[in-house]
Each structure stands twice: as structure tokens, then as C-alpha cells.
N, C-alpha and C. Protein backbone atom coordinates (compact mmCIF):
# COMPACT_ATOMS: atom_id res chain seq x y z
N MET A 1 3.31 -11.21 -20.71
CA MET A 1 2.32 -10.01 -20.12
C MET A 1 3.04 -9.03 -21.42
N THR A 2 2.11 -7.90 -21.74
CA THR A 2 2.68 -7.37 -22.73
C THR A 2 3.00 -5.69 -22.08
N HIS A 3 4.02 -4.93 -22.64
CA HIS A 3 4.54 -3.77 -21.84
C HIS A 3 3.47 -2.74 -21.71
N ALA A 4 3.31 -2.18 -20.36
CA ALA A 4 2.41 -1.08 -20.33
C ALA A 4 2.83 0.12 -20.75
N THR A 5 1.99 1.01 -21.22
CA THR A 5 2.31 2.07 -21.62
C THR A 5 2.83 2.99 -20.36
N SER A 6 2.98 4.08 -20.44
CA SER A 6 3.59 5.06 -19.33
C SER A 6 2.03 5.35 -18.65
N GLU A 7 1.27 5.81 -19.16
CA GLU A 7 -0.03 6.17 -18.00
C GLU A 7 -0.40 4.64 -17.28
N GLU A 8 -0.41 3.60 -17.97
CA GLU A 8 -0.76 2.28 -17.44
C GLU A 8 0.35 2.09 -15.98
N CYS A 9 1.56 2.34 -16.40
CA CYS A 9 2.58 2.02 -15.64
C CYS A 9 2.08 3.10 -14.41
N ILE A 10 1.71 4.16 -14.49
CA ILE A 10 2.04 5.20 -13.27
C ILE A 10 0.52 4.73 -12.49
N GLU A 11 -0.63 4.16 -13.21
CA GLU A 11 -1.55 3.87 -12.51
C GLU A 11 -1.12 2.51 -11.62
N MET A 12 -0.55 1.78 -12.45
CA MET A 12 -0.03 0.26 -11.58
C MET A 12 0.61 0.49 -10.38
N ARG A 13 1.67 1.98 -10.58
CA ARG A 13 2.41 2.38 -9.26
C ARG A 13 1.72 2.79 -8.15
N ILE A 14 0.53 3.78 -8.81
CA ILE A 14 -0.54 4.40 -7.57
C ILE A 14 -1.01 3.54 -7.12
N THR A 15 -1.75 1.78 -7.89
CA THR A 15 -2.34 1.02 -7.36
C THR A 15 -1.33 0.33 -6.24
N ALA A 16 -0.45 0.06 -6.69
CA ALA A 16 0.49 -1.15 -5.60
C ALA A 16 0.89 -0.23 -4.09
N ILE A 17 1.22 1.08 -4.43
CA ILE A 17 1.47 2.05 -3.29
C ILE A 17 0.14 2.14 -2.10
N VAL A 18 -1.11 2.12 -3.01
CA VAL A 18 -2.51 2.21 -2.14
C VAL A 18 -2.26 0.83 -1.42
N LYS A 19 -2.50 -0.32 -2.10
CA LYS A 19 -2.42 -1.38 -1.86
C LYS A 19 -1.08 -1.66 -0.46
N THR A 20 -0.15 -1.45 -0.86
CA THR A 20 0.76 -1.49 0.34
C THR A 20 0.45 -0.61 1.55
N LYS A 21 0.09 0.41 1.48
CA LYS A 21 -0.42 1.16 2.73
C LYS A 21 -1.76 0.51 3.19
N CYS A 22 -2.64 -0.22 2.31
CA CYS A 22 -3.75 -1.11 2.83
C CYS A 22 -3.30 -2.28 4.06
N ASN A 23 -2.12 -2.94 3.29
CA ASN A 23 -1.60 -3.84 3.85
C ASN A 23 -0.94 -3.64 5.02
N TYR A 24 -0.45 -2.49 5.04
CA TYR A 24 0.40 -1.89 5.95
C TYR A 24 -0.46 -1.71 7.23
N ASN A 25 -1.79 -0.69 7.04
CA ASN A 25 -2.59 -0.29 8.03
C ASN A 25 -3.10 -1.81 9.12
N ILE A 26 -3.56 -3.19 7.44
CA ILE A 26 -4.14 -3.82 8.28
C ILE A 26 -3.20 -4.93 9.11
N GLY A 27 -2.01 -5.31 8.67
CA GLY A 27 -1.20 -6.05 9.29
C GLY A 27 0.25 -5.48 9.96
């Protein structure tokens, strides 16, 4: 994988947080 730009890193972190919340609510 190539290194993501700072903006992409922020988006990925937000996405990961959302996924974590969704998984937490489901499970």
C-alpha cells in the first residue's frame, strides 16, 4: 500500500471510528 496523504489519513480514521461504533452497536 502507498502512504496516504494527511487528508486521506483523517478520512480513514473517521471511517474506522464509525465502523467501530457500528460494530459496537451491532455486537
